Amino acid sequence: VFLGGMRSVALTDVVQGMMVFVLMALAVITVGNAFGGIRSANELTFAIRPDLFSRTGGGDFFTPRIWFSYIILWVVAIPMFPQVFMRFFIPRTSTSLKLASVLYPIVTAVLFFGPIMIGVWGHLAFPDLAGAESDQILPMMMAEFAPAWLSGLILVGALAAFMSTHDSYLLCWAAILVEDVINPSMGGRLATRTRLFLARLLIFLTGVFLLAWSIWYPMGQDMLDYLAVSGAIYFTGAFAVLLFGLYWKRAGRAGAYAALTAGLFALLGLTPVRRGLHLTNENLGLDINEAQIGLTTTVMALLLMVAGSLLFPDREQRMG
């Protein structure tokens, strides 16, 4: 990422993606064989936790309300991921873009199936594991049922999946900050070499910040919920701006700024923030989850986009 830019990101993503598929399949086979095969592992798990094989999941967590919240949340979120949006401009032909759009959900579903199976089987080996500790189930299962060398190799595959996402994040946010913030604020006069230097500097600084944040931030919630909330801070407002910016002629700057600011409401989905403000479910007497906060934030952003554009129209619209 630091030296090769988008070309190196695309190349490493292909290599790392192939590693993930092969090693995750190996992980599923290894853990399944430890319980007498994949079918036997499922039967043993079903015998003690049949709720894990139901539509509502363990503890009847996935109610229709939560299903709806997550479906809407991810339909809105995925197109707004900046590294995904940036890749729309890379294919040489529209055919390549359409093929990637079709394969993306299929590949994601197949890849997620392996870790989910291992997580379900984890109830056989670690029946009392719950909460944020369950995020460690993959390395725990590998350490329990795979030899050290194989466990290390499979965890390398998991790390490859992590890297293939975050190298794109580092590159796209560095490009966004340089091309959309720093260079315009300097009158668009920065030379290519200077912009390249700034992008590489931002990649390094962002990496340092993420390392420090991952070490010291007290998460206090499941990893998936944290990722949904932290992503909602950005994509809820971005969705409103993109939607109305493309399809509504009266969309304006004031509405766009208001919509992007609305994303800050998603911070209430972070457990440390809610505890600090005494807005936990226990204090409020309500059953509110992170997906619902993200969905509420999306609606707020849409409303503020419309209200801001109507109340404070752009100068060109007033003159017209």
Protein backbone atom coordinates (compact mmCIF):
# COMPACT_ATOMS: atom_id res chain seq x y z
CA VAL A 1 0.00 0.00 0.00
CA PHE A 2 2.73 2.44 1.02
CA LEU A 3 4.77 1.96 -2.16
CA GLY A 4 2.53 0.36 -4.79
CA GLY A 5 -0.82 2.09 -4.35
CA MET A 6 -3.96 0.65 -5.94
CA ARG A 7 -2.11 -1.79 -8.19
CA SER A 8 -0.38 -3.45 -5.24
CA VAL A 9 -3.63 -3.49 -3.24
CA ALA A 10 -5.43 -5.32 -6.06
CA LEU A 11 -2.60 -7.83 -6.46
CA THR A 12 -2.27 -8.60 -2.75
CA ASP A 13 -6.05 -8.86 -2.39
CA VAL A 14 -6.15 -11.59 -5.03
CA VAL A 15 -3.32 -13.55 -3.39
CA GLN A 16 -4.69 -13.09 0.13
CA GLY A 17 -8.22 -13.93 -0.99
CA MET A 18 -7.04 -17.26 -2.41
CA MET A 19 -5.18 -17.96 0.84
CA VAL A 20 -8.28 -17.24 2.88
CA PHE A 21 -10.47 -19.65 0.91
CA VAL A 22 -7.98 -22.51 0.98
CA LEU A 23 -6.99 -22.13 4.63
CA MET A 24 -10.54 -21.58 5.88
CA ALA A 25 -11.66 -24.76 4.11
CA LEU A 26 -8.75 -26.54 5.78
CA ALA A 27 -9.82 -25.14 9.16
CA VAL A 28 -13.40 -26.40 8.72
CA ILE A 29 -12.19 -29.87 7.74
CA THR A 30 -9.70 -30.03 10.64
CA VAL A 31 -12.18 -29.00 13.34
CA GLY A 32 -14.97 -31.11 11.83
CA ASN A 33 -12.78 -34.21 11.81
CA ALA A 34 -12.00 -33.67 15.48
CA PHE A 35 -15.71 -34.34 16.17
CA GLY A 36 -16.00 -37.25 13.75
CA GLY A 37 -16.69 -35.27 10.60
CA ILE A 38 -18.73 -32.23 9.63
CA ARG A 39 -22.05 -34.07 9.84
CA SER A 40 -21.21 -35.52 13.24
CA ALA A 41 -20.10 -32.11 14.54
CA ASN A 42 -23.42 -30.60 13.48
CA GLU A 43 -25.40 -33.43 15.06
CA LEU A 44 -23.50 -33.13 18.36
CA THR A 45 -24.02 -29.38 18.43
CA PHE A 46 -27.70 -29.71 17.57
CA ALA A 47 -28.15 -32.16 20.45
CA ILE A 48 -27.05 -29.56 23.02
CA ARG A 49 -27.96 -26.28 21.30
CA PRO A 50 -30.76 -26.79 18.76
CA ASP A 51 -31.55 -23.06 18.96
CA LEU A 52 -28.33 -22.31 17.07
CA PHE A 53 -29.81 -23.99 13.98
CA SER A 54 -33.05 -22.01 14.06
CA ARG A 55 -33.83 -18.81 12.18
CA THR A 56 -33.84 -16.75 15.37
CA GLY A 57 -30.46 -18.12 16.51
CA GLY A 58 -29.14 -18.57 20.02
CA GLY A 59 -31.34 -17.07 22.70
CA ASP A 60 -33.88 -16.06 20.01
CA PHE A 61 -31.68 -13.08 19.26
CA PHE A 62 -32.60 -12.59 15.61
CA THR A 63 -36.17 -11.41 15.93
CA PRO A 64 -37.92 -10.04 12.80
CA ARG A 65 -37.15 -6.52 14.03
CA ILE A 66 -33.42 -7.24 14.29
CA TRP A 67 -33.39 -9.08 10.95
CA PHE A 68 -35.02 -6.08 9.29
CA SER A 69 -32.59 -3.66 10.98
CA TYR A 70 -29.51 -5.58 9.83
CA ILE A 71 -30.81 -6.10 6.30
CA ILE A 72 -31.51 -2.40 5.83
CA LEU A 73 -28.28 -1.46 7.56
CA TRP A 74 -26.08 -3.54 5.26
CA VAL A 75 -28.00 -2.67 2.10
CA VAL A 76 -27.22 0.95 2.93
CA ALA A 77 -23.70 0.29 4.24
CA ILE A 78 -21.98 -1.87 1.62
CA PRO A 79 -22.28 0.58 -1.32
CA MET A 80 -20.99 3.37 0.94
CA PHE A 81 -17.77 1.63 1.93
CA PRO A 82 -15.18 4.01 0.49
CA GLN A 83 -12.79 1.28 -0.62
CA VAL A 84 -15.65 -0.42 -2.51
CA PHE A 85 -16.83 2.83 -4.06
CA MET A 86 -13.28 3.65 -5.17
CA ARG A 87 -13.04 0.34 -6.99
CA PHE A 88 -16.00 1.28 -9.19
CA PHE A 89 -13.58 3.45 -11.14
CA ILE A 90 -10.91 0.77 -11.65
CA PRO A 91 -12.39 -1.73 -14.19
CA ARG A 92 -11.60 -1.07 -17.82
CA THR A 93 -15.04 -2.21 -18.95
CA SER A 94 -18.55 -2.19 -17.50
CA THR A 95 -18.62 -5.98 -17.91
CA SER A 96 -15.87 -6.39 -15.31
CA LEU A 97 -17.72 -4.12 -12.90
CA LYS A 98 -21.00 -6.00 -13.35
CA LEU A 99 -19.28 -9.36 -12.83
CA ALA A 100 -17.61 -8.13 -9.64
CA SER A 101 -20.96 -6.84 -8.38
CA VAL A 102 -22.56 -10.26 -8.92
CA LEU A 103 -19.70 -12.24 -7.38
CA TYR A 104 -19.17 -10.00 -4.34
CA PRO A 105 -22.17 -11.21 -2.26
CA ILE A 106 -21.62 -14.83 -3.32
CA VAL A 107 -17.96 -14.85 -2.34
CA THR A 108 -18.73 -13.10 0.95
CA ALA A 109 -21.47 -15.59 1.88
CA VAL A 110 -19.28 -18.61 1.08
CA LEU A 111 -16.32 -17.19 2.99
CA PHE A 112 -18.39 -16.35 6.07
CA PHE A 113 -19.86 -19.85 6.17
CA GLY A 114 -16.61 -21.41 7.43
CA PRO A 115 -16.00 -19.21 10.49
CA ILE A 116 -19.70 -19.41 11.40
CA MET A 117 -19.61 -23.22 11.36
CA ILE A 118 -16.52 -23.25 13.57
CA GLY A 119 -18.15 -20.74 15.90
CA VAL A 120 -21.24 -22.94 16.22
CA TRP A 121 -19.10 -26.00 16.91
CA GLY A 122 -17.28 -23.97 19.53
CA HIS A 123 -20.19 -24.67 21.90
CA LEU A 124 -18.96 -28.25 22.07
CA ALA A 125 -15.49 -27.30 23.29
CA PHE A 126 -16.23 -24.03 25.10
CA PRO A 127 -19.89 -24.15 26.19
CA ASP A 128 -19.58 -21.25 28.64
CA LEU A 129 -17.96 -18.79 26.24
CA ALA A 130 -20.08 -15.67 25.75
CA GLY A 131 -19.98 -11.96 24.96
CA ALA A 132 -16.84 -10.31 23.67
CA GLU A 133 -14.81 -13.41 24.57
CA SER A 134 -16.58 -15.30 21.76
CA ASP A 135 -14.69 -13.14 19.23
CA GLN A 136 -11.65 -15.32 20.03
CA ILE A 137 -13.38 -18.59 19.17
CA LEU A 138 -11.47 -19.22 15.91
CA PRO A 139 -7.95 -19.11 17.41
CA MET A 140 -9.19 -21.00 20.48
CA MET A 141 -10.63 -23.80 18.33
CA MET A 142 -7.47 -23.97 16.24
CA ALA A 143 -5.30 -24.19 19.35
CA GLU A 144 -7.55 -26.92 20.74
CA PHE A 145 -7.92 -29.19 17.70
CA ALA A 146 -5.11 -28.42 15.23
CA PRO A 147 -1.36 -28.97 15.54
CA ALA A 148 0.66 -25.86 16.22
CA TRP A 149 2.01 -25.51 12.68
CA LEU A 150 -1.43 -25.92 11.10
CA SER A 151 -3.04 -23.61 13.63
CA GLY A 152 -0.49 -20.92 12.83
CA LEU A 153 -1.01 -21.37 9.10
CA ILE A 154 -4.81 -21.08 9.38
CA LEU A 155 -4.54 -17.99 11.55
CA VAL A 156 -2.31 -16.52 8.84
CA GLY A 157 -5.28 -16.98 6.52
CA ALA A 158 -7.51 -15.09 8.94
CA LEU A 159 -4.91 -12.34 9.12
CA ALA A 160 -4.79 -12.26 5.31
CA ALA A 161 -8.54 -11.63 5.23
CA PHE A 162 -8.09 -8.79 7.68
CA MET A 163 -5.23 -7.29 5.68
CA SER A 164 -7.04 -7.53 2.35
CA THR A 165 -9.72 -5.23 3.72
CA HIS A 166 -7.63 -2.75 5.62
CA ASP A 167 -4.99 -2.15 2.96
CA SER A 168 -7.85 -0.80 0.84
CA TYR A 169 -9.08 1.31 3.76
CA LEU A 170 -5.65 2.85 4.30
CA LEU A 171 -5.23 3.69 0.64
CA CYS A 172 -8.69 5.13 0.06
CA TRP A 173 -8.78 7.32 3.17
CA ALA A 174 -5.33 8.69 2.45
CA ALA A 175 -6.48 9.50 -1.10
CA ILE A 176 -9.72 11.09 0.18
CA LEU A 177 -7.93 13.31 2.67
CA VAL A 178 -5.31 14.43 0.15
CA GLU A 179 -7.49 14.87 -2.94
CA ASP A 180 -10.71 16.11 -1.30
CA VAL A 181 -9.45 18.02 1.74
CA ILE A 182 -5.79 19.02 1.69
CA ASN A 183 -5.27 19.76 -2.01
CA PRO A 184 -8.52 21.78 -2.45
CA SER A 185 -7.74 23.78 0.68
CA MET A 186 -4.40 24.69 -0.91
CA GLY A 187 -6.11 25.90 -4.06
CA GLY A 188 -5.45 22.67 -5.96
CA ARG A 189 -1.85 23.68 -6.55
CA LEU A 190 -0.06 20.76 -4.90
CA ALA A 191 2.30 18.89 -7.20
CA THR A 192 1.84 15.17 -7.80
CA ARG A 193 5.00 14.34 -5.86
CA THR A 194 3.77 16.37 -2.85
CA ARG A 195 0.36 14.70 -2.89
CA LEU A 196 2.00 11.30 -3.11
CA PHE A 197 4.21 12.12 -0.11
CA LEU A 198 1.21 13.32 1.90
CA ALA A 199 -0.76 10.18 1.02
CA ARG A 200 2.06 7.94 2.20
CA LEU A 201 2.45 9.98 5.37
CA LEU A 202 -1.27 9.67 6.10
CA ILE A 203 -1.15 5.92 5.50
CA PHE A 204 1.60 5.62 8.10
CA LEU A 205 -0.11 7.92 10.63
CA THR A 206 -3.45 6.16 10.18
CA GLY A 207 -1.80 2.81 10.79
CA VAL A 208 -0.17 4.10 13.97
CA PHE A 209 -3.50 5.49 15.19
CA LEU A 210 -5.33 2.22 14.51
CA LEU A 211 -2.68 0.27 16.39
CA ALA A 212 -2.94 2.56 19.41
CA TRP A 213 -6.75 2.53 19.28
CA SER A 214 -6.94 -1.26 19.09
CA ILE A 215 -4.70 -1.59 22.14
CA TRP A 216 -6.29 0.97 24.46
CA TYR A 217 -9.96 1.24 23.44
CA PRO A 218 -12.24 -0.67 25.87
CA MET A 219 -14.58 -2.27 23.34
CA GLY A 220 -17.17 -3.68 25.77
CA GLN A 221 -19.26 -5.29 22.97
CA ASP A 222 -19.10 -7.86 20.19
CA MET A 223 -16.73 -7.08 17.33
CA LEU A 224 -19.48 -7.20 14.68
CA ASP A 225 -21.60 -4.71 16.61
CA TYR A 226 -18.61 -2.39 17.03
CA LEU A 227 -17.85 -2.53 13.31
CA ALA A 228 -21.49 -1.80 12.44
CA VAL A 229 -21.57 1.24 14.73
CA SER A 230 -18.20 2.69 13.75
CA GLY A 231 -19.07 2.27 10.07
CA ALA A 232 -22.49 3.88 10.57
CA ILE A 233 -20.83 7.13 11.69
CA TYR A 234 -19.72 7.60 8.09
CA PHE A 235 -22.00 5.64 5.77
CA THR A 236 -25.37 6.83 7.12
CA GLY A 237 -24.71 10.41 6.09
CA ALA A 238 -22.86 9.36 2.95
CA PHE A 239 -25.88 7.33 1.81
CA ALA A 240 -28.18 10.34 2.14
CA VAL A 241 -25.74 12.59 0.28
CA LEU A 242 -25.26 10.09 -2.56
CA LEU A 243 -28.95 9.23 -2.89
CA PHE A 244 -30.28 12.78 -2.99
CA GLY A 245 -27.23 14.15 -4.75
CA LEU A 246 -27.89 11.84 -7.70
CA TYR A 247 -31.67 11.83 -7.83
CA TRP A 248 -32.91 15.13 -6.34
CA LYS A 249 -32.22 18.39 -8.14
CA ARG A 250 -32.77 20.52 -5.02
CA ALA A 251 -30.12 18.74 -2.94
CA GLY A 252 -27.74 21.33 -1.45
CA ARG A 253 -24.55 21.74 0.51
CA ALA A 254 -26.30 22.62 3.78
CA GLY A 255 -28.32 19.42 3.61
CA ALA A 256 -25.20 17.41 2.83
CA TYR A 257 -23.32 18.82 5.82
CA ALA A 258 -26.34 18.19 8.07
CA ALA A 259 -26.67 14.60 6.86
CA LEU A 260 -22.99 13.85 7.41
CA THR A 261 -23.16 15.41 10.88
CA ALA A 262 -26.14 13.19 11.73
CA GLY A 263 -23.79 10.22 11.58
CA LEU A 264 -22.42 11.26 14.97
CA PHE A 265 -25.67 9.97 16.50
CA ALA A 266 -24.39 6.46 15.77
CA LEU A 267 -21.82 6.97 18.53
CA LEU A 268 -24.62 6.07 20.93
CA GLY A 269 -24.21 2.50 19.70
CA LEU A 270 -20.78 2.26 21.34
CA THR A 271 -21.01 0.65 24.76
CA PRO A 272 -18.46 2.94 26.51
CA VAL A 273 -20.31 6.02 25.18
CA ARG A 274 -23.69 4.76 26.34
CA ARG A 275 -22.31 3.89 29.76
CA GLY A 276 -20.67 7.29 30.10
CA LEU A 277 -23.94 9.06 29.24
CA HIS A 278 -26.02 6.64 31.36
CA LEU A 279 -28.02 5.62 28.30
CA THR A 280 -27.74 1.86 28.66
CA ASN A 281 -30.78 -0.36 28.15
CA GLU A 282 -30.95 -0.90 31.90
CA ASN A 283 -31.12 2.83 32.60
CA LEU A 284 -33.60 3.56 29.82
CA GLY A 285 -35.76 0.51 30.33
CA LEU A 286 -35.63 -0.16 26.58
CA ASP A 287 -34.30 -2.96 24.40
CA ILE A 288 -32.20 -1.13 21.80
CA ASN A 289 -29.38 -2.74 19.83
CA GLU A 290 -26.63 -1.36 17.63
CA ALA A 291 -28.38 -2.15 14.33
CA GLN A 292 -31.44 -0.19 15.38
CA ILE A 293 -29.30 2.80 16.33
CA GLY A 294 -27.66 2.62 12.91
CA LEU A 295 -31.06 2.44 11.18
CA THR A 296 -32.33 5.40 13.21
CA THR A 297 -29.21 7.36 12.28
CA THR A 298 -29.84 6.59 8.59
CA VAL A 299 -33.40 7.95 8.81
CA MET A 300 -32.15 11.07 10.62
CA ALA A 301 -29.54 11.67 7.93
CA LEU A 302 -32.15 11.39 5.17
CA LEU A 303 -34.50 13.81 6.92
CA LEU A 304 -31.74 16.32 7.64
CA MET A 305 -30.55 16.13 4.04
CA VAL A 306 -34.00 17.14 2.84
CA ALA A 307 -34.60 19.76 5.55
CA GLY A 308 -31.19 21.39 5.17
CA SER A 309 -31.49 21.56 1.39
CA LEU A 310 -34.96 23.13 1.55
CA LEU A 311 -34.27 25.60 4.37
CA PHE A 312 -30.82 26.68 3.14
CA PRO A 313 -30.73 26.21 -0.65
CA ASP A 314 -27.51 26.65 -2.55
CA ARG A 315 -26.82 30.08 -3.92
CA GLU A 316 -27.11 28.88 -7.50
CA GLN A 317 -30.58 27.49 -6.79
CA ARG A 318 -31.76 30.75 -5.20
CA MET A 319 -30.51 32.75 -8.17
CA GLY A 320 -32.15 30.33 -10.59
